[in-house]
C-alpha atoms as a PDB file:
ATOM      1  CA  MET A   1      -0.405  21.275   7.125  1.00  0.00           C
ATOM      2  CA  SER A   2      -0.463  17.913   8.900  1.00  0.00           C
ATOM      3  CA  ASP A   3      -1.891  14.692   7.482  1.00  0.00           C
ATOM      4  CA  LEU A   4      -4.825  15.057   9.883  1.00  0.00           C
ATOM      5  CA  ASP A   5      -5.525  18.607   8.656  1.00  0.00           C
ATOM      6  CA  ILE A   6      -5.432  17.442   5.031  1.00  0.00           C
ATOM      7  CA  GLU A   7      -7.743  14.514   5.792  1.00  0.00           C
ATOM      8  CA  THR A   8     -10.205  16.827   7.562  1.00  0.00           C
ATOM      9  CA  GLU A   9     -10.241  19.238   4.624  1.00  0.00           C
ATOM     10  CA  ILE A  10     -10.759  16.423   2.091  1.00  0.00           C
ATOM     11  CA  GLN A  11     -13.747  15.107   4.031  1.00  0.00           C
ATOM     12  CA  ALA A  12     -15.163  18.610   4.502  1.00  0.00           C
ATOM     13  CA  LYS A  13     -15.135  19.091   0.723  1.00  0.00           C
ATOM     14  CA  GLY A  14     -16.934  15.806   0.181  1.00  0.00           C
ATOM     15  CA  LEU A  15     -14.120  14.266  -1.869  1.00  0.00           C
ATOM     16  CA  THR A  16     -15.082  10.625  -1.427  1.00  0.00           C
ATOM     17  CA  ALA A  17     -13.747   9.003  -4.609  1.00  0.00           C
ATOM     18  CA  PRO A  18     -11.245   6.151  -4.093  1.00  0.00           C
ATOM     19  CA  ARG A  19      -7.926   7.441  -2.756  1.00  0.00           C
ATOM     20  CA  ILE A  20      -5.032   6.438  -0.545  1.00  0.00           C
ATOM     21  CA  THR A  21      -5.195   7.356   3.123  1.00  0.00           C
ATOM     22  CA  LEU A  22      -2.610   7.231   5.892  1.00  0.00           C
ATOM     23  CA  ALA A  23      -4.521   4.262   7.327  1.00  0.00           C
ATOM     24  CA  ASP A  24      -3.962   2.394   4.040  1.00  0.00           C
ATOM     25  CA  ILE A  25      -0.229   3.010   4.299  1.00  0.00           C
ATOM     26  CA  VAL A  26      -0.014   1.962   7.941  1.00  0.00           C
ATOM     27  CA  ALA A  27      -1.910  -1.237   7.093  1.00  0.00           C
ATOM     28  CA  GLU A  28       0.742  -2.121   4.494  1.00  0.00           C
ATOM     29  CA  ILE A  29       3.663  -1.876   6.956  1.00  0.00           C
ATOM     30  CA  GLN A  30       4.826  -5.184   8.392  1.00  0.00           C
ATOM     31  CA  GLY A  31       7.952  -4.012  10.231  1.00  0.00           C
ATOM     32  CA  THR A  32       9.742  -0.798  11.221  1.00  0.00           C
ATOM     33  CA  TYR A  33      13.502  -0.701  11.849  1.00  0.00           C
ATOM     34  CA  TYR A  34      15.631   2.225  13.096  1.00  0.00           C
ATOM     35  CA  PHE A  35      19.400   2.558  13.146  1.00  0.00           C
ATOM     36  CA  THR A  36      22.097   5.172  12.682  1.00  0.00           C
ATOM     37  CA  ALA A  37      24.664   5.073   9.916  1.00  0.00           C
ATOM     38  CA  GLU A  38      27.315   4.495  12.583  1.00  0.00           C
ATOM     39  CA  MET A  39      25.499   1.398  13.803  1.00  0.00           C
ATOM     40  CA  GLY A  40      25.331   0.155  10.223  1.00  0.00           C
ATOM     41  CA  ALA A  41      29.019   0.777   9.653  1.00  0.00           C
ATOM     42  CA  ARG A  42      29.999  -1.056  12.837  1.00  0.00           C
ATOM     43  CA  MET A  43      27.872  -4.053  11.898  1.00  0.00           C
ATOM     44  CA  ALA A  44      29.370  -4.089   8.418  1.00  0.00           C
ATOM     45  CA  ILE A  45      32.895  -4.016   9.810  1.00  0.00           C
ATOM     46  CA  ALA A  46      32.030  -6.862  12.174  1.00  0.00           C
ATOM     47  CA  ASP A  47      30.901  -8.841   9.149  1.00  0.00           C
ATOM     48  CA  GLU A  48      34.000  -7.753   7.183  1.00  0.00           C
ATOM     49  CA  GLY A  49      31.755  -6.124   4.589  1.00  0.00           C
ATOM     50  CA  ALA A  50      32.417  -2.436   5.226  1.00  0.00           C
ATOM     51  CA  THR A  51      33.821  -0.140   2.587  1.00  0.00           C
ATOM     52  CA  GLY A  52      34.805   3.492   3.043  1.00  0.00           C
ATOM     53  CA  THR A  53      37.636   5.986   3.125  1.00  0.00           C
ATOM     54  CA  GLY A  54      37.827   6.950   6.784  1.00  0.00           C
ATOM     55  CA  PRO A  55      38.553   5.109  10.053  1.00  0.00           C
ATOM     56  CA  LEU A  56      35.530   4.294  12.162  1.00  0.00           C
ATOM     57  CA  ALA A  57      37.118   6.188  15.056  1.00  0.00           C
ATOM     58  CA  ASP A  58      36.428   9.375  13.090  1.00  0.00           C
ATOM     59  CA  ALA A  59      32.901   8.322  12.141  1.00  0.00           C
ATOM     60  CA  GLY A  60      31.111  10.529  14.674  1.00  0.00           C
ATOM     61  CA  PRO A  61      29.008  12.220  11.959  1.00  0.00           C
ATOM     62  CA  LEU A  62      27.588   8.815  11.009  1.00  0.00           C
ATOM     63  CA  GLY A  63      25.874   8.744  14.382  1.00  0.00           C
ATOM     64  CA  LEU A  64      23.916  11.852  13.392  1.00  0.00           C
ATOM     65  CA  LEU A  65      22.297  10.129  10.414  1.00  0.00           C
ATOM     66  CA  THR A  66      19.182   8.259  11.510  1.00  0.00           C
ATOM     67  CA  CYS A  67      17.640   5.715   9.149  1.00  0.00           C
ATOM     68  CA  CYS A  68      14.188   4.152   9.165  1.00  0.00           C
ATOM     69  CA  VAL A  69      13.478   1.078   7.045  1.00  0.00           C
ATOM     70  CA  LEU A  70       9.877   0.010   6.524  1.00  0.00           C
ATOM     71  CA  VAL A  71       9.169  -3.539   5.387  1.00  0.00           C
ATOM     72  CA  LEU A  72       5.837  -3.882   3.594  1.00  0.00           C
ATOM     73  CA  HIS A  73       3.689  -6.994   3.652  1.00  0.00           C
ATOM     74  CA  ASN A  74       4.710  -7.930   0.099  1.00  0.00           C
ATOM     75  CA  GLY A  75       8.395  -7.835   1.094  1.00  0.00           C
ATOM     76  CA  PHE A  76       9.226  -4.490  -0.536  1.00  0.00           C
ATOM     77  CA  THR A  77      11.307  -2.048   1.534  1.00  0.00           C
ATOM     78  CA  VAL A  78      11.619   1.738   1.671  1.00  0.00           C
ATOM     79  CA  MET A  79      14.002   3.866   3.713  1.00  0.00           C
ATOM     80  CA  GLY A  80      13.820   7.396   5.062  1.00  0.00           C
ATOM     81  CA  SER A  81      16.646   9.250   6.781  1.00  0.00           C
ATOM     82  CA  SER A  82      17.244  12.281   8.970  1.00  0.00           C
ATOM     83  CA  ALA A  83      20.585  14.087   9.137  1.00  0.00           C
ATOM     84  CA  CYS A  84      21.521  16.542  11.874  1.00  0.00           C
ATOM     85  CA  ALA A  85      23.921  19.354  10.925  1.00  0.00           C
ATOM     86  CA  SER A  86      24.795  20.359  14.498  1.00  0.00           C
ATOM     87  CA  PRO A  87      25.686  17.545  16.901  1.00  0.00           C
ATOM     88  CA  GLU A  88      24.344  19.663  19.780  1.00  0.00           C
ATOM     89  CA  ASN A  89      20.871  19.512  18.243  1.00  0.00           C
ATOM     90  CA  PHE A  90      20.818  15.752  17.776  1.00  0.00           C
ATOM     91  CA  ASP A  91      17.811  14.077  19.343  1.00  0.00           C
ATOM     92  CA  ALA A  92      17.405  10.353  18.733  1.00  0.00           C
ATOM     93  CA  GLU A  93      13.601  10.309  19.017  1.00  0.00           C
ATOM     94  CA  MET A  94      13.199  13.337  16.767  1.00  0.00           C
ATOM     95  CA  GLY A  95      15.543  11.750  14.250  1.00  0.00           C
ATOM     96  CA  LYS A  96      13.427   8.588  14.228  1.00  0.00           C
ATOM     97  CA  LYS A  97      10.217  10.560  13.722  1.00  0.00           C
ATOM     98  CA  ILE A  98      11.600  12.533  10.778  1.00  0.00           C
ATOM     99  CA  ALA A  99      13.098   9.405   9.192  1.00  0.00           C
ATOM    100  CA  LEU A 100       9.772   7.569   9.590  1.00  0.00           C
ATOM    101  CA  ASP A 101       7.842  10.430   7.994  1.00  0.00           C
ATOM    102  CA  LYS A 102      10.229  10.442   5.028  1.00  0.00           C
ATOM    103  CA  ALA A 103       9.934   6.676   4.615  1.00  0.00           C
ATOM    104  CA  ILE A 104       6.142   6.930   4.639  1.00  0.00           C
ATOM    105  CA  GLU A 105       6.314   9.633   1.961  1.00  0.00           C
ATOM    106  CA  LEU A 106       7.891   7.033  -0.334  1.00  0.00           C
ATOM    107  CA  ILE A 107       4.904   4.704   0.054  1.00  0.00           C
ATOM    108  CA  TRP A 108       2.280   7.239  -1.038  1.00  0.00           C
ATOM    109  CA  PRO A 109       3.196   7.142  -4.765  1.00  0.00           C
ATOM    110  CA  LEU A 110       3.538   3.347  -4.704  1.00  0.00           C
ATOM    111  CA  LEU A 111       0.014   2.809  -3.409  1.00  0.00           C
ATOM    112  CA  GLY A 112      -1.261   5.684  -5.532  1.00  0.00           C
ATOM    113  CA  TYR A 113       0.025   4.008  -8.673  1.00  0.00           C
ATOM    114  CA  GLN A 114      -1.443   0.693  -7.532  1.00  0.00           C
ATOM    115  CA  LEU A 115      -4.871   2.270  -6.983  1.00  0.00           C
ATOM    116  CA  ARG A 116      -4.821   4.180 -10.266  1.00  0.00           C
ATOM    117  CA  ASP A 117      -3.783   1.054 -12.152  1.00  0.00           C
ATOM    118  CA  ARG A 118      -6.692  -0.852 -10.597  1.00  0.00           C
ATOM    119  CA  LEU A 119      -9.185   1.923 -11.382  1.00  0.00           C
ATOM    120  CA  HIS A 120      -7.902   2.261 -14.942  1.00  0.00           C
ATOM    121  CA  GLY A 121      -8.182  -1.479 -15.500  1.00  0.00           C
ATOM    122  CA  ALA A 122     -11.750  -1.521 -14.217  1.00  0.00           C
ATOM    123  CA  ILE A 123     -12.760   1.369 -16.483  1.00  0.00           C
ATOM    124  CA  GLU A 124     -10.974   0.024 -19.553  1.00  0.00           C
ATOM    125  CA  LEU A 125     -12.089  -3.573 -19.264  1.00  0.00           C
ATOM    126  CA  ARG A 126     -15.486  -3.241 -17.666  1.00  0.00           C
ATOM    127  CA  GLY A 127     -17.250  -0.933 -20.106  1.00  0.00           C
ATOM    128  CA  SER A 128     -20.907  -1.874 -20.016  1.00  0.00           C
ATOM    129  CA  LEU A 129     -20.308  -5.523 -19.156  1.00  0.00           C
ATOM    130  CA  GLU A 130     -22.997  -6.908 -16.911  1.00  0.00           C
ATOM    131  CA  THR A 131     -23.343 -10.338 -18.532  1.00  0.00           C
ATOM    132  CA  PHE A 132     -20.494 -12.437 -19.797  1.00  0.00           C
ATOM    133  CA  THR A 133     -19.689 -15.601 -21.629  1.00  0.00           C
ATOM    134  CA  PRO A 134     -21.987 -18.542 -20.888  1.00  0.00           C
ATOM    135  CA  GLY A 135     -20.768 -20.759 -18.086  1.00  0.00           C
ATOM    136  CA  LEU A 136     -19.059 -18.099 -15.976  1.00  0.00           C
ATOM    137  CA  PRO A 137     -20.333 -17.904 -12.368  1.00  0.00           C
ATOM    138  CA  ASP A 138     -22.611 -15.126 -11.161  1.00  0.00           C
ATOM    139  CA  VAL A 139     -20.663 -11.911 -10.463  1.00  0.00           C
ATOM    140  CA  GLU A 140     -22.190 -11.453  -7.004  1.00  0.00           C
ATOM    141  CA  LYS A 141     -21.298 -14.960  -5.835  1.00  0.00           C
ATOM    142  CA  VAL A 142     -17.727 -14.675  -7.082  1.00  0.00           C
ATOM    143  CA  SER A 143     -17.391 -11.199  -5.564  1.00  0.00           C
ATOM    144  CA  ALA A 144     -18.307 -12.607  -2.155  1.00  0.00           C
ATOM    145  CA  SER A 145     -15.682 -15.350  -2.547  1.00  0.00           C
ATOM    146  CA  VAL A 146     -13.073 -12.830  -3.700  1.00  0.00           C
ATOM    147  CA  HIS A 147     -13.785 -10.694  -0.643  1.00  0.00           C
ATOM    148  CA  GLU A 148     -13.390 -13.645   1.717  1.00  0.00           C
ATOM    149  CA  ALA A 149     -10.101 -14.603   0.053  1.00  0.00           C
ATOM    150  CA  TRP A 150      -8.877 -11.000   0.351  1.00  0.00           C
ATOM    151  CA  MET A 151      -9.691 -10.932   4.074  1.00  0.00           C
ATOM    152  CA  GLU A 152      -7.931 -14.248   4.630  1.00  0.00           C
ATOM    153  CA  SER A 153      -4.789 -13.005   2.849  1.00  0.00           C
ATOM    154  CA  LYS A 154      -4.779  -9.930   5.109  1.00  0.00           C
ATOM    155  CA  ARG A 155      -5.228 -12.021   8.249  1.00  0.00           C
ATOM    156  CA  LEU A 156      -2.282 -14.208   7.275  1.00  0.00           C
ATOM    157  CA  LYS A 157      -0.184 -11.028   7.131  1.00  0.00           C
ATOM    158  CA  GLY A 158      -1.326  -9.979  10.588  1.00  0.00           C
ATOM    159  CA  VAL A 159      -3.721  -7.302   9.338  1.00  0.00           C
ATOM    160  CA  THR A 160      -6.968  -7.199  11.331  1.00  0.00           C
ATOM    161  CA  THR A 161      -8.571  -4.005  10.078  1.00  0.00           C
ATOM    162  CA  ARG A 162      -8.792  -2.026   6.845  1.00  0.00           C
ATOM    163  CA  LYS A 163     -11.088   0.965   6.456  1.00  0.00           C
ATOM    164  CA  SER A 164     -12.347   2.672   3.311  1.00  0.00           C
ATOM    165  CA  GLU A 165     -11.945   6.397   2.686  1.00  0.00           C
ATOM    166  CA  ASP A 166     -15.416   6.788   4.246  1.00  0.00           C
ATOM    167  CA  GLY A 167     -14.325   5.021   7.415  1.00  0.00           C
ATOM    168  CA  GLU A 168     -16.193   1.804   6.668  1.00  0.00           C
ATOM    169  CA  GLU A 169     -14.594  -1.361   8.013  1.00  0.00           C
ATOM    170  CA  LEU A 170     -13.825  -3.518   4.961  1.00  0.00           C
ATOM    171  CA  MET A 171     -12.638  -6.602   6.846  1.00  0.00           C
ATOM    172  CA  ALA A 172     -16.220  -7.686   7.457  1.00  0.00           C
ATOM    173  CA  PRO A 173     -18.531 -10.257   5.830  1.00  0.00           C
ATOM    174  CA  TYR A 174     -19.400  -9.352   2.256  1.00  0.00           C
ATOM    175  CA  GLN A 175     -23.137  -9.403   2.919  1.00  0.00           C
ATOM    176  CA  GLY A 176     -22.773  -6.637   5.498  1.00  0.00           C
ATOM    177  CA  LEU A 177     -20.796  -4.247   3.286  1.00  0.00           C
ATOM    178  CA  SER A 178     -22.246  -1.135   1.691  1.00  0.00           C
ATOM    179  CA  GLU A 179     -22.924  -1.198  -2.045  1.00  0.00           C
ATOM    180  CA  LYS A 180     -19.948   1.114  -2.573  1.00  0.00           C
ATOM    181  CA  ALA A 181     -17.652  -1.288  -0.741  1.00  0.00           C
ATOM    182  CA  LYS A 182     -19.069  -4.296  -2.600  1.00  0.00           C
ATOM    183  CA  ASP A 183     -18.295  -2.547  -5.882  1.00  0.00           C
ATOM    184  CA  LEU A 184     -14.570  -2.852  -5.084  1.00  0.00           C
ATOM    185  CA  ASP A 185     -14.899  -6.641  -5.309  1.00  0.00           C
ATOM    186  CA  ARG A 186     -17.421  -6.565  -8.142  1.00  0.00           C
ATOM    187  CA  ASN A 187     -15.159  -4.413 -10.277  1.00  0.00           C
ATOM    188  CA  SER A 188     -12.282  -6.833  -9.763  1.00  0.00           C
ATOM    189  CA  VAL A 189     -14.455  -9.763 -10.875  1.00  0.00           C
ATOM    190  CA  ARG A 190     -15.834  -7.840 -13.840  1.00  0.00           C
ATOM    191  CA  ALA A 191     -12.324  -6.908 -14.927  1.00  0.00           C
ATOM    192  CA  VAL A 192     -11.296 -10.571 -14.921  1.00  0.00           C
ATOM    193  CA  TYR A 193     -14.449 -11.576 -16.793  1.00  0.00           C
ATOM    194  CA  ALA A 194     -13.841  -8.814 -19.328  1.00  0.00           C
ATOM    195  CA  ALA A 195     -10.297 -10.059 -19.850  1.00  0.00           C
ATOM    196  CA  ILE A 196     -11.646 -13.574 -20.437  1.00  0.00           C
ATOM    197  CA  ALA A 197     -14.175 -12.196 -22.909  1.00  0.00           C
ATOM    198  CA  SER A 198     -11.442 -10.250 -24.695  1.00  0.00           C
ATOM    199  CA  ALA A 199      -9.247 -13.345 -24.945  1.00  0.00           C
ATOM    200  CA  GLN A 200     -12.117 -15.399 -26.328  1.00  0.00           C
ATOM    201  CA  GLN A 201     -12.928 -12.711 -28.872  1.00  0.00           C
ATOM    202  CA  GLY A 202      -9.299 -12.831 -29.953  1.00  0.00           C
ATOM    203  CA  ASN A 203      -9.720 -16.541 -30.564  1.00  0.00           C
ATOM    204  CA  GLY A 204     -12.764 -15.904 -32.744  1.00  0.00           C
ATOM    205  CA  GLU A 205     -15.246 -17.279 -30.225  1.00  0.00           C
ATOM    206  CA  GLN A 206     -18.740 -15.823 -29.860  1.00  0.00           C
ATOM    207  CA  VAL A 207     -18.942 -13.742 -26.669  1.00  0.00           C
ATOM    208  CA  ASN A 208     -22.004 -12.284 -24.999  1.00  0.00           C
ATOM    209  CA  VAL A 209     -20.956  -8.904 -23.558  1.00  0.00           C
ATOM    210  CA  GLY A 210     -24.415  -7.562 -22.698  1.00  0.00           C
END
C-alpha cells in the first residue's frame, strides 16, 4: 500500500486527530544528497581518510550501493541506502528512489515522537487552565504573536507552505485560521503559562489557575 493509498484510507475513516503526514516530512527536508559507496570511497582516498581492507580497483560492488542523505532544517541528518545483488539489475535512478524512501522512513518516528511529546505536554500542563497568574498577557494575543514568529522561522528556512492534516494552509495570518488550527498555538501558550504557574507554586506563590 502506497503512502497515497494510506492517506486516502485515513481520510475516508475520518481520522482527523493530529498526526504526521508525508507533507510534514517533506517540509522538514532542507537538502537531498545522493552518492554511491564507491564515490564515497574515492573521495575519502583523495582526502587520505579512507580505511578498508581491499584495493579500490576491486571495489566494483561499492558502486552498487546507493546512499541518500537528507539534511533537515534543524541540521539533523538521516541516511537511507539501496544495495543491488546482481550488477546486471543495477539502475541508478531506481537505487536513488529506494534509498530516498528508506531515508524518509527514518524521519517518521522522529516527527512522531516530537508530535506526541508536544501533545503530551499540552495535556499534562494545560488541565483546565484558562486563566493564569496576574500580569501574564492574554492567551489569544500571545498565540497570534507565537504564530507569526513560527511563520517567520519557517520562511528563514526556505519553507513557504505547511498544511494541517485537514489540508488547511497554516502559513497564513492567525486571524484567518480555523479554530482547530488556532488551538495549535493556543495550546503552546497555555503549556508555557502552566509551566510558569507550576514554577510559582513551587516557590510558594499564590497562583490563579481558574
